[in-house]
Amino acid sequence: MKNLKKLFLSLFVTVTAVVSCGDPDLPFEIYDTMKTGGYARLMSQTGEFNYFDQAGSKVTLEVEYYDKNKGQDIASYAISVEYIDSKTKGAKSVAKKAMTTIESSAFVTNADGYLSSTIEIGFAATMSLLGQGAADIDGGNKYRYHMVLTMKDGTTYDAATTDSNLESSSPFSALFQKDISIVCPSDLAGVFSTTGFAKAGDAPWKGDGTQATSGNFEWTATPEGNLYPVKGGDFSYGAYKAVGYSSVPAGTLKNQDACGTLSAVGSSQWGEVYTFHAVTRQADKKVLYIDWSNDYGEKAEVFLTRSDKDWPDLSN
């Protein structure tokens, strides 16, 4: 093995020497004469597309234009948009349509000496462009904006012709594609008291409608923003204690607010899955009614009364 390594090393040195001595001079292109492109860099983004405020929602993008002449060689920056429907498996998706083109004459020089633009994208304006009404959109879906940068020599650059590292790397943040999701701000965390009763069920369950439920509970906030576990557990909101059980359902159960639709997600420590059959805000807006059951056959109806603020108009 040692002799083989020596032989390989000897051959490598010989070949290197021959190549080094015998190769003709190769042409080298000076940078100043090289053909280079450009890109728009995303400097900041503010705002959101709020499902509950379609008329007033907008997103503002601040961009700088980059090329070897600080953006002077860029002719225009065009934006188109499509609607991507993941909620109903593409049934409501809308194909890409041209939105606007920003000509270089509209670029302004910012404090850093670069040409730049402030781009406002309105939620309602996007919907109108794609021919959408309120029934055509869903929270959690998104709009995908496509950008094409055209140089003064006629060459164009977009997401398909730009290395992904240029877009994903923070020093560059090249803006050739931007997803803006439709969000539903949720603010259900807080404390409340409950009343209700344990309904007759399909399992060895002691509820028959005569066991009154009560208690004080709290929904706590989570990083997800729209998921609310019950602090200390008890997803039955007092029904388990009302029928004489010493333990309560907890596990990974959480209340999910999906743009005003309230549902139970996760499962109890015993693997039970919960369903909300009715969710209704009452005439007194501080009271929320929930009719729940789990797949073990346990059931109850509860009224959640809070004192800090009204419940939003939730449904199941």
Protein backbone atom coordinates (compact mmCIF):
# COMPACT_ATOMS: atom_id res chain seq x y z
CA MET A 1 0.00 0.00 0.00
CA LYS A 2 2.83 2.39 0.87
CA ASN A 3 4.50 1.75 -2.54
CA LEU A 4 1.15 2.41 -4.28
CA LYS A 5 0.83 5.73 -2.51
CA LYS A 6 4.39 6.71 -3.53
CA LEU A 7 3.67 5.76 -7.15
CA PHE A 8 0.45 7.84 -7.17
CA LEU A 9 2.25 10.83 -5.67
CA SER A 10 5.04 10.55 -8.26
CA LEU A 11 2.57 10.42 -11.14
CA PHE A 12 0.63 13.41 -9.73
CA VAL A 13 3.78 15.55 -9.48
CA THR A 14 4.86 14.57 -13.03
CA VAL A 15 1.44 15.34 -14.56
CA THR A 16 1.24 18.64 -12.67
CA ALA A 17 4.64 19.66 -13.94
CA VAL A 18 3.79 18.79 -17.53
CA VAL A 19 0.48 20.66 -17.42
CA SER A 20 2.05 23.66 -15.70
CA CYS A 21 4.86 23.93 -18.23
CA GLY A 22 3.00 22.96 -21.39
CA ASP A 23 -0.40 24.70 -21.17
CA PRO A 24 -0.88 27.74 -23.40
CA ASP A 25 -1.95 30.99 -21.80
CA LEU A 26 -5.69 31.00 -21.18
CA PRO A 27 -7.78 34.13 -21.79
CA PHE A 28 -8.88 35.96 -18.65
CA GLU A 29 -11.86 38.29 -18.72
CA ILE A 30 -11.34 41.50 -16.75
CA TYR A 31 -14.29 42.17 -14.38
CA ASP A 32 -14.97 45.63 -15.81
CA THR A 33 -15.59 44.09 -19.24
CA MET A 34 -17.65 41.13 -17.97
CA LYS A 35 -21.39 41.04 -18.63
CA THR A 36 -23.09 41.34 -15.26
CA GLY A 37 -26.72 41.44 -14.19
CA GLY A 38 -28.72 43.04 -11.43
CA TYR A 39 -31.32 42.34 -8.78
CA ALA A 40 -33.67 44.04 -6.36
CA ARG A 41 -32.89 43.56 -2.69
CA LEU A 42 -35.66 43.40 -0.08
CA MET A 43 -34.70 45.84 2.67
CA SER A 44 -37.87 45.68 4.78
CA GLN A 45 -41.45 44.42 4.82
CA THR A 46 -44.32 45.71 6.91
CA GLY A 47 -48.05 45.03 7.09
CA GLU A 48 -50.16 41.93 6.50
CA PHE A 49 -53.16 40.62 4.60
CA ASN A 50 -55.79 40.40 7.34
CA TYR A 51 -58.68 38.14 6.39
CA PHE A 52 -61.00 40.28 8.52
CA ASP A 53 -59.88 43.59 6.97
CA GLN A 54 -59.60 43.03 3.24
CA ALA A 55 -60.27 46.66 2.35
CA GLY A 56 -57.68 48.14 4.71
CA SER A 57 -54.88 45.57 4.61
CA LYS A 58 -51.68 46.11 2.68
CA VAL A 59 -48.04 45.05 2.64
CA THR A 60 -45.26 47.56 2.04
CA LEU A 61 -41.93 46.44 0.57
CA GLU A 62 -38.81 48.59 0.55
CA VAL A 63 -36.37 47.51 -2.17
CA GLU A 64 -32.97 48.65 -3.41
CA TYR A 65 -31.73 48.00 -6.93
CA TYR A 66 -28.27 46.52 -7.38
CA ASP A 67 -25.89 46.21 -10.31
CA LYS A 68 -22.30 47.28 -10.88
CA ASN A 69 -23.53 50.89 -11.33
CA LYS A 70 -25.75 51.07 -8.22
CA GLY A 71 -28.89 50.24 -10.19
CA GLN A 72 -28.28 52.64 -13.06
CA ASP A 73 -28.30 49.80 -15.61
CA ILE A 74 -31.78 48.55 -14.62
CA ALA A 75 -34.67 49.52 -16.89
CA SER A 76 -37.72 48.21 -15.01
CA TYR A 77 -39.08 45.94 -12.30
CA ALA A 78 -42.32 44.09 -13.13
CA ILE A 79 -44.66 42.34 -10.67
CA SER A 80 -47.29 39.69 -11.35
CA VAL A 81 -49.37 37.64 -8.89
CA GLU A 82 -51.20 34.32 -8.54
CA TYR A 83 -53.47 32.91 -5.83
CA ILE A 84 -52.45 29.57 -4.35
CA ASP A 85 -55.24 27.59 -2.73
CA SER A 86 -54.07 24.87 -0.35
CA LYS A 87 -57.26 24.70 1.70
CA THR A 88 -59.39 23.10 -1.00
CA LYS A 89 -56.56 21.46 -2.95
CA GLY A 90 -56.34 24.10 -5.65
CA ALA A 91 -60.05 24.44 -6.39
CA LYS A 92 -59.89 28.21 -5.89
CA SER A 93 -56.41 28.83 -7.28
CA VAL A 94 -56.08 31.68 -9.80
CA ALA A 95 -53.37 31.76 -12.48
CA LYS A 96 -50.66 34.40 -12.58
CA LYS A 97 -51.61 37.82 -13.90
CA ALA A 98 -49.52 40.94 -14.52
CA MET A 99 -49.94 43.53 -11.78
CA THR A 100 -47.61 46.50 -12.34
CA THR A 101 -44.29 47.55 -13.84
CA ILE A 102 -42.06 50.09 -12.13
CA GLU A 103 -39.97 51.95 -14.71
CA SER A 104 -36.48 53.16 -13.79
CA SER A 105 -37.69 56.74 -14.14
CA ALA A 106 -39.73 56.15 -10.96
CA PHE A 107 -36.75 54.89 -8.93
CA VAL A 108 -35.54 57.24 -6.19
CA THR A 109 -32.11 57.52 -4.60
CA ASN A 110 -32.12 56.55 -0.94
CA ALA A 111 -29.83 57.67 1.89
CA ASP A 112 -27.27 54.99 0.99
CA GLY A 113 -26.97 56.26 -2.57
CA TYR A 114 -28.82 53.35 -4.17
CA LEU A 115 -31.84 53.55 -6.43
CA SER A 116 -34.88 52.22 -4.60
CA SER A 117 -38.66 51.87 -4.55
CA THR A 118 -41.38 51.74 -1.92
CA ILE A 119 -43.92 49.19 -3.17
CA GLU A 120 -47.38 49.06 -1.60
CA ILE A 121 -49.42 45.94 -2.33
CA GLY A 122 -53.05 46.20 -1.33
CA PHE A 123 -55.08 43.15 -0.34
CA ALA A 124 -58.25 44.46 -2.00
CA ALA A 125 -56.34 45.55 -5.11
CA THR A 126 -54.86 42.07 -5.48
CA MET A 127 -58.27 40.45 -5.08
CA SER A 128 -59.77 42.81 -7.67
CA LEU A 129 -56.99 42.12 -10.16
CA LEU A 130 -57.62 38.37 -9.91
CA GLY A 131 -61.40 38.76 -10.02
CA GLN A 132 -61.92 37.53 -6.46
CA GLY A 133 -64.63 38.25 -3.94
CA ALA A 134 -64.72 37.43 -0.24
CA ALA A 135 -66.08 33.95 -0.96
CA ASP A 136 -63.11 33.16 -3.22
CA ILE A 137 -60.42 33.41 -0.55
CA ASP A 138 -59.63 31.54 2.64
CA GLY A 139 -57.44 32.28 5.61
CA GLY A 140 -54.20 30.34 5.45
CA ASN A 141 -53.98 30.48 1.66
CA LYS A 142 -51.48 32.81 0.00
CA TYR A 143 -50.68 35.07 -2.91
CA ARG A 144 -47.40 34.51 -4.71
CA TYR A 145 -45.88 37.59 -6.31
CA HIS A 146 -43.40 37.10 -9.15
CA MET A 147 -40.85 39.78 -10.02
CA VAL A 148 -38.94 40.25 -13.28
CA LEU A 149 -36.06 42.69 -13.50
CA THR A 150 -35.16 44.00 -16.97
CA MET A 151 -31.77 45.54 -17.69
CA LYS A 152 -31.28 48.38 -20.16
CA ASP A 153 -29.56 45.98 -22.54
CA GLY A 154 -32.77 43.92 -22.68
CA THR A 155 -31.68 40.99 -20.52
CA THR A 156 -34.14 39.85 -17.86
CA TYR A 157 -33.79 38.15 -14.50
CA ASP A 158 -36.41 36.32 -12.45
CA ALA A 159 -36.66 33.47 -9.92
CA ALA A 160 -36.10 30.87 -12.64
CA THR A 161 -32.88 32.46 -13.88
CA THR A 162 -31.43 33.45 -10.52
CA ASP A 163 -29.47 31.19 -8.20
CA SER A 164 -31.55 30.34 -5.13
CA ASN A 165 -28.65 31.33 -2.85
CA LEU A 166 -29.01 34.89 -4.06
CA GLU A 167 -32.63 34.90 -2.90
CA SER A 168 -32.22 33.00 0.38
CA SER A 169 -28.93 34.48 1.58
CA SER A 170 -29.54 37.43 3.92
CA PRO A 171 -26.69 39.60 2.54
CA PHE A 172 -28.43 39.57 -0.85
CA SER A 173 -32.16 38.96 -0.16
CA ALA A 174 -32.85 39.13 -3.91
CA LEU A 175 -36.56 39.77 -4.38
CA PHE A 176 -37.77 37.76 -7.37
CA GLN A 177 -40.60 35.95 -5.58
CA LYS A 178 -42.62 36.79 -2.47
CA ASP A 179 -45.41 34.85 -0.75
CA ILE A 180 -47.94 36.84 1.26
CA SER A 181 -50.28 34.67 3.32
CA ILE A 182 -53.81 35.59 4.30
CA VAL A 183 -53.71 35.70 8.08
CA CYS A 184 -56.47 35.69 10.64
CA PRO A 185 -55.27 37.45 13.80
CA SER A 186 -56.48 35.52 16.83
CA ASP A 187 -56.72 36.74 20.40
CA LEU A 188 -58.64 34.17 22.45
CA ALA A 189 -56.25 33.78 25.39
CA GLY A 190 -57.74 34.70 28.75
CA VAL A 191 -59.69 33.50 31.77
CA PHE A 192 -63.35 32.56 32.01
CA SER A 193 -65.85 30.70 34.16
CA THR A 194 -68.04 27.87 32.91
CA THR A 195 -71.46 26.41 33.49
CA GLY A 196 -73.16 23.53 31.70
CA PHE A 197 -74.06 19.86 32.04
CA ALA A 198 -72.71 16.43 31.16
CA LYS A 199 -74.87 14.88 28.44
CA ALA A 200 -75.81 11.23 28.08
CA GLY A 201 -73.13 9.42 26.10
CA ASP A 202 -72.45 6.18 24.29
CA ALA A 203 -69.78 4.89 26.69
CA PRO A 204 -69.83 3.89 30.38
CA TRP A 205 -70.25 7.59 31.07
CA LYS A 206 -72.19 8.88 34.04
CA GLY A 207 -73.47 11.98 32.32
CA ASP A 208 -77.24 12.07 31.74
CA GLY A 209 -77.97 15.79 31.66
CA THR A 210 -78.46 16.22 35.40
CA GLN A 211 -74.80 16.70 36.36
CA ALA A 212 -74.08 20.43 36.35
CA THR A 213 -70.61 21.54 35.32
CA SER A 214 -68.75 24.56 36.60
CA GLY A 215 -65.25 25.86 37.04
CA ASN A 216 -62.73 28.57 36.25
CA PHE A 217 -60.42 28.09 33.30
CA GLU A 218 -57.83 29.80 31.17
CA TRP A 219 -56.79 29.51 27.53
CA THR A 220 -53.11 30.31 27.19
CA ALA A 221 -51.32 31.74 24.17
CA THR A 222 -48.83 29.69 22.13
CA PRO A 223 -46.13 30.59 19.57
CA GLU A 224 -48.42 29.38 16.78
CA GLY A 225 -50.74 32.30 17.51
CA ASN A 226 -54.04 30.49 16.96
CA LEU A 227 -53.75 27.42 19.22
CA TYR A 228 -54.94 27.60 22.83
CA PRO A 229 -54.40 24.84 25.40
CA VAL A 230 -56.42 24.82 28.61
CA LYS A 231 -54.12 25.83 31.45
CA GLY A 232 -53.80 22.90 33.85
CA GLY A 233 -55.73 20.66 31.48
CA ASP A 234 -59.43 19.72 31.66
CA PHE A 235 -60.67 19.95 28.11
CA SER A 236 -64.08 18.83 29.44
CA TYR A 237 -64.53 22.21 31.18
CA GLY A 238 -65.71 20.64 34.40
CA ALA A 239 -67.74 17.73 32.98
CA TYR A 240 -65.32 15.05 34.18
CA LYS A 241 -65.49 16.32 37.75
CA ALA A 242 -69.25 16.67 37.51
CA VAL A 243 -69.64 12.94 36.86
CA GLY A 244 -67.18 12.01 39.61
CA TYR A 245 -63.95 11.39 37.70
CA SER A 246 -60.76 12.27 39.59
CA SER A 247 -58.68 13.00 36.46
CA VAL A 248 -59.28 15.34 33.53
CA PRO A 249 -58.52 15.14 29.78
CA ALA A 250 -55.37 17.06 28.86
CA GLY A 251 -52.61 15.55 26.70
CA THR A 252 -52.00 17.58 23.54
CA LEU A 253 -55.56 18.91 23.26
CA LYS A 254 -55.82 22.53 22.10
CA ASN A 255 -58.48 24.87 20.78
CA GLN A 256 -57.69 25.99 17.23
CA ASP A 257 -59.00 29.27 15.84
CA ALA A 258 -58.88 29.00 12.02
CA CYS A 259 -60.21 32.38 10.91
CA GLY A 260 -63.18 32.20 13.27
CA THR A 261 -63.75 28.46 13.02
CA LEU A 262 -63.10 26.87 16.42
CA SER A 263 -62.13 23.21 16.58
CA ALA A 264 -60.39 20.76 18.90
CA VAL A 265 -56.98 19.50 17.79
CA GLY A 266 -54.64 16.94 19.38
CA SER A 267 -55.72 14.17 21.72
CA SER A 268 -56.04 13.45 25.42
CA GLN A 269 -53.48 11.47 27.40
CA TRP A 270 -55.72 8.45 26.75
CA GLY A 271 -55.80 9.05 22.99
CA GLU A 272 -59.31 10.49 22.84
CA VAL A 273 -60.10 12.90 20.00
CA TYR A 274 -62.61 15.69 20.59
CA THR A 275 -65.22 17.21 18.27
CA PHE A 276 -67.11 20.50 18.61
CA HIS A 277 -70.65 19.96 17.29
CA ALA A 278 -71.73 23.54 17.90
CA VAL A 279 -69.85 26.74 18.72
CA THR A 280 -71.96 29.87 19.11
CA ARG A 281 -71.40 33.28 20.63
CA GLN A 282 -74.47 34.19 22.66
CA ALA A 283 -76.50 37.41 22.70
CA ASP A 284 -74.29 38.37 25.62
CA LYS A 285 -71.04 38.52 23.65
CA LYS A 286 -69.01 37.56 26.71
CA VAL A 287 -70.57 34.08 26.62
CA LEU A 288 -69.52 31.29 24.23
CA TYR A 289 -71.46 28.03 23.90
CA ILE A 290 -69.68 24.76 23.01
CA ASP A 291 -71.31 21.36 22.47
CA TRP A 292 -68.52 18.78 22.54
CA SER A 293 -68.02 15.03 22.46
CA ASN A 294 -65.08 12.69 22.15
CA ASP A 295 -64.65 9.43 20.28
CA TYR A 296 -65.12 7.47 23.52
CA GLY A 297 -68.72 8.67 23.66
CA GLU A 298 -68.40 11.30 26.42
CA LYS A 299 -70.38 14.50 25.85
CA ALA A 300 -71.23 17.83 27.42
CA GLU A 301 -72.54 21.31 26.71
CA VAL A 302 -70.76 24.24 28.33
CA PHE A 303 -71.05 28.03 28.46
CA LEU A 304 -67.74 29.90 28.73
CA THR A 305 -68.18 33.35 30.28
CA ARG A 306 -65.31 35.83 30.30
CA SER A 307 -65.18 39.23 31.98
CA ASP A 308 -62.16 40.81 30.27
CA LYS A 309 -63.58 41.19 26.74
CA ASP A 310 -66.14 39.85 24.28
CA TRP A 311 -65.69 36.60 22.40
CA PRO A 312 -65.36 37.03 18.63
CA ASP A 313 -68.12 35.61 16.44
CA LEU A 314 -66.86 32.01 16.41
CA SER A 315 -68.40 28.96 14.78
CA ASN A 316 -67.56 25.27 14.41
